[in-house]
Amino acid sequence: MPLISANKDTGKYVKEMLLHPEKVFGKRIYTGEKYYTMDETAEIIKKVGGLDVSYEQCTDEAFRKSLAGVGAPEFLQEDMSQNAKYFQEYGFFQQDLEDSHKVSSSRSLF
């Protein structure tokens, strides 16, 4: 899963798009520094957010049950379940992020 800091990273992409619209017109720009594993994502959340989290792969039924346990309505459980299955099978963007990092040919965003 790619991660992006909305307040720190979004401006990098927007700036390059505004300065070089001819390089991005008609293209999809995929944000995110790189793809992270779920274990890496959990570690980042621990470090940055100060939360005690961990990643544990579970069955769809267990995932839905955990969502229900925190009060998520059934429609949200279904949506989150389908999203997780999609990301697992196809990836988040189905695209390498490197091309999006090179919005400007003169330099990389990262």
C-alpha atoms as a PDB file:
ATOM      1  CA  MET A   1       0.000   0.000   0.000  1.00  0.00           C
ATOM      2  CA  PRO A   2       1.419   3.413  -0.877  1.00  0.00           C
ATOM      3  CA  LEU A   3       1.443   6.064   1.829  1.00  0.00           C
ATOM      4  CA  ILE A   4       1.345   9.824   1.444  1.00  0.00           C
ATOM      5  CA  SER A   5       1.425  12.620   3.973  1.00  0.00           C
ATOM      6  CA  ALA A   6      -1.306  14.950   2.732  1.00  0.00           C
ATOM      7  CA  ASN A   7       0.155  17.986   4.480  1.00  0.00           C
ATOM      8  CA  LYS A   8       3.809  17.296   3.560  1.00  0.00           C
ATOM      9  CA  ASP A   9       3.726  15.536   0.186  1.00  0.00           C
ATOM     10  CA  THR A  10       0.703  16.771  -1.753  1.00  0.00           C
ATOM     11  CA  GLY A  11       2.291  20.142  -2.446  1.00  0.00           C
ATOM     12  CA  LYS A  12       5.242  18.494  -4.224  1.00  0.00           C
ATOM     13  CA  TYR A  13       2.929  16.997  -6.799  1.00  0.00           C
ATOM     14  CA  VAL A  14       0.703  20.047  -7.154  1.00  0.00           C
ATOM     15  CA  LYS A  15       3.703  22.350  -7.588  1.00  0.00           C
ATOM     16  CA  GLU A  16       5.168  20.252 -10.380  1.00  0.00           C
ATOM     17  CA  MET A  17       1.778  19.973 -12.076  1.00  0.00           C
ATOM     18  CA  LEU A  18       1.313  23.734 -12.006  1.00  0.00           C
ATOM     19  CA  LEU A  19       4.861  24.448 -13.175  1.00  0.00           C
ATOM     20  CA  HIS A  20       4.861  21.793 -15.913  1.00  0.00           C
ATOM     21  CA  PRO A  21       1.264  21.181 -17.017  1.00  0.00           C
ATOM     22  CA  GLU A  22       2.410  19.936 -20.419  1.00  0.00           C
ATOM     23  CA  LYS A  23       4.162  16.995 -18.748  1.00  0.00           C
ATOM     24  CA  VAL A  24       1.118  15.848 -16.808  1.00  0.00           C
ATOM     25  CA  PHE A  25      -1.829  16.751 -19.042  1.00  0.00           C
ATOM     26  CA  GLY A  26      -3.832  13.610 -19.733  1.00  0.00           C
ATOM     27  CA  LYS A  27      -1.716  11.460 -17.396  1.00  0.00           C
ATOM     28  CA  ARG A  28      -2.573   9.855 -14.100  1.00  0.00           C
ATOM     29  CA  ILE A  29      -0.295  10.857 -11.280  1.00  0.00           C
ATOM     30  CA  TYR A  30      -0.042   8.253  -8.540  1.00  0.00           C
ATOM     31  CA  THR A  31       0.990   9.706  -5.218  1.00  0.00           C
ATOM     32  CA  GLY A  32       2.981   7.902  -2.596  1.00  0.00           C
ATOM     33  CA  GLU A  33       6.676   7.501  -1.929  1.00  0.00           C
ATOM     34  CA  LYS A  34       6.682   3.733  -2.433  1.00  0.00           C
ATOM     35  CA  TYR A  35       4.633   0.639  -1.757  1.00  0.00           C
ATOM     36  CA  TYR A  36       4.800  -0.496   1.856  1.00  0.00           C
ATOM     37  CA  THR A  37       4.004  -3.889   3.299  1.00  0.00           C
ATOM     38  CA  MET A  38       1.289  -4.046   5.932  1.00  0.00           C
ATOM     39  CA  ASP A  39       3.962  -4.710   8.582  1.00  0.00           C
ATOM     40  CA  GLU A  40       5.852  -1.571   7.478  1.00  0.00           C
ATOM     41  CA  THR A  41       2.611   0.415   7.532  1.00  0.00           C
ATOM     42  CA  ALA A  42       1.886  -0.723  11.090  1.00  0.00           C
ATOM     43  CA  GLU A  43       5.406   0.309  12.164  1.00  0.00           C
ATOM     44  CA  ILE A  44       4.963   3.766  10.621  1.00  0.00           C
ATOM     45  CA  ILE A  45       1.623   4.211  12.397  1.00  0.00           C
ATOM     46  CA  LYS A  46       3.308   3.228  15.681  1.00  0.00           C
ATOM     47  CA  LYS A  47       6.191   5.637  15.156  1.00  0.00           C
ATOM     48  CA  VAL A  48       4.348   8.624  13.707  1.00  0.00           C
ATOM     49  CA  GLY A  49       0.970   8.248  15.386  1.00  0.00           C
ATOM     50  CA  GLY A  50       2.141   6.828  18.675  1.00  0.00           C
ATOM     51  CA  LEU A  51      -0.474   4.088  18.435  1.00  0.00           C
ATOM     52  CA  ASP A  52      -0.045   0.500  19.567  1.00  0.00           C
ATOM     53  CA  VAL A  53      -0.933  -1.346  16.358  1.00  0.00           C
ATOM     54  CA  SER A  54       0.158  -4.505  14.632  1.00  0.00           C
ATOM     55  CA  TYR A  55      -0.704  -6.298  11.422  1.00  0.00           C
ATOM     56  CA  GLU A  56      -2.164  -9.766  11.498  1.00  0.00           C
ATOM     57  CA  GLN A  57      -3.554 -11.487   8.445  1.00  0.00           C
ATOM     58  CA  CYS A  58      -7.010 -12.883   9.144  1.00  0.00           C
ATOM     59  CA  THR A  59     -10.002 -14.392   7.416  1.00  0.00           C
ATOM     60  CA  ASP A  60     -12.671 -12.233   5.863  1.00  0.00           C
ATOM     61  CA  GLU A  61     -15.074 -13.322   8.585  1.00  0.00           C
ATOM     62  CA  ALA A  62     -12.654 -12.306  11.348  1.00  0.00           C
ATOM     63  CA  PHE A  63     -12.022  -8.955   9.632  1.00  0.00           C
ATOM     64  CA  ARG A  64     -15.740  -8.195   9.406  1.00  0.00           C
ATOM     65  CA  LYS A  65     -16.211  -9.272  13.023  1.00  0.00           C
ATOM     66  CA  SER A  66     -13.472  -6.891  14.176  1.00  0.00           C
ATOM     67  CA  LEU A  67     -15.129  -4.041  12.249  1.00  0.00           C
ATOM     68  CA  ALA A  68     -18.498  -4.902  13.780  1.00  0.00           C
ATOM     69  CA  GLY A  69     -16.804  -4.936  17.193  1.00  0.00           C
ATOM     70  CA  VAL A  70     -15.947  -1.261  16.869  1.00  0.00           C
ATOM     71  CA  GLY A  71     -19.442  -0.362  15.681  1.00  0.00           C
ATOM     72  CA  ALA A  72     -18.965  -0.312  11.904  1.00  0.00           C
ATOM     73  CA  PRO A  73     -22.316  -0.731  10.139  1.00  0.00           C
ATOM     74  CA  GLU A  74     -22.792  -3.695   7.808  1.00  0.00           C
ATOM     75  CA  PHE A  75     -22.433  -1.630   4.612  1.00  0.00           C
ATOM     76  CA  LEU A  76     -19.033  -0.378   5.795  1.00  0.00           C
ATOM     77  CA  GLN A  77     -17.920  -3.886   6.729  1.00  0.00           C
ATOM     78  CA  GLU A  78     -18.808  -5.011   3.196  1.00  0.00           C
ATOM     79  CA  ASP A  79     -17.014  -2.069   1.594  1.00  0.00           C
ATOM     80  CA  MET A  80     -13.846  -2.503   3.661  1.00  0.00           C
ATOM     81  CA  SER A  81     -13.850  -6.238   3.013  1.00  0.00           C
ATOM     82  CA  GLN A  82     -14.161  -5.758  -0.754  1.00  0.00           C
ATOM     83  CA  ASN A  83     -11.417  -3.099  -0.731  1.00  0.00           C
ATOM     84  CA  ALA A  84      -9.032  -5.385   1.147  1.00  0.00           C
ATOM     85  CA  LYS A  85      -9.691  -8.232  -1.282  1.00  0.00           C
ATOM     86  CA  TYR A  86      -9.154  -5.934  -4.276  1.00  0.00           C
ATOM     87  CA  PHE A  87      -5.847  -4.540  -2.960  1.00  0.00           C
ATOM     88  CA  GLN A  88      -4.636  -8.042  -2.151  1.00  0.00           C
ATOM     89  CA  GLU A  89      -5.434  -9.355  -5.612  1.00  0.00           C
ATOM     90  CA  TYR A  90      -4.618  -6.373  -7.834  1.00  0.00           C
ATOM     91  CA  GLY A  91      -2.534  -3.954  -5.769  1.00  0.00           C
ATOM     92  CA  PHE A  92      -3.438  -0.430  -4.774  1.00  0.00           C
ATOM     93  CA  PHE A  93      -2.766   1.444  -8.020  1.00  0.00           C
ATOM     94  CA  GLN A  94      -1.783  -1.512 -10.227  1.00  0.00           C
ATOM     95  CA  GLN A  95       1.006   0.808 -11.288  1.00  0.00           C
ATOM     96  CA  ASP A  96       4.658   1.464 -10.547  1.00  0.00           C
ATOM     97  CA  LEU A  97       5.019   4.764  -8.685  1.00  0.00           C
ATOM     98  CA  GLU A  98       8.330   5.682 -10.307  1.00  0.00           C
ATOM     99  CA  ASP A  99       6.767   7.382 -13.363  1.00  0.00           C
ATOM    100  CA  SER A 100       4.670   9.616 -11.127  1.00  0.00           C
ATOM    101  CA  HIS A 101       7.787  10.624  -9.199  1.00  0.00           C
ATOM    102  CA  LYS A 102       9.260  11.980 -12.413  1.00  0.00           C
ATOM    103  CA  VAL A 103       6.557  14.497 -13.197  1.00  0.00           C
ATOM    104  CA  SER A 104       9.312  16.954 -14.041  1.00  0.00           C
ATOM    105  CA  SER A 105      12.042  15.609 -16.323  1.00  0.00           C
ATOM    106  CA  SER A 106      14.570  17.883 -14.650  1.00  0.00           C
ATOM    107  CA  ARG A 107      14.303  16.186 -11.246  1.00  0.00           C
ATOM    108  CA  SER A 108      12.504  13.560  -9.297  1.00  0.00           C
ATOM    109  CA  LEU A 109       9.991  14.558  -6.652  1.00  0.00           C
ATOM    110  CA  PHE A 110      11.675  12.334  -4.088  1.00  0.00           C
END
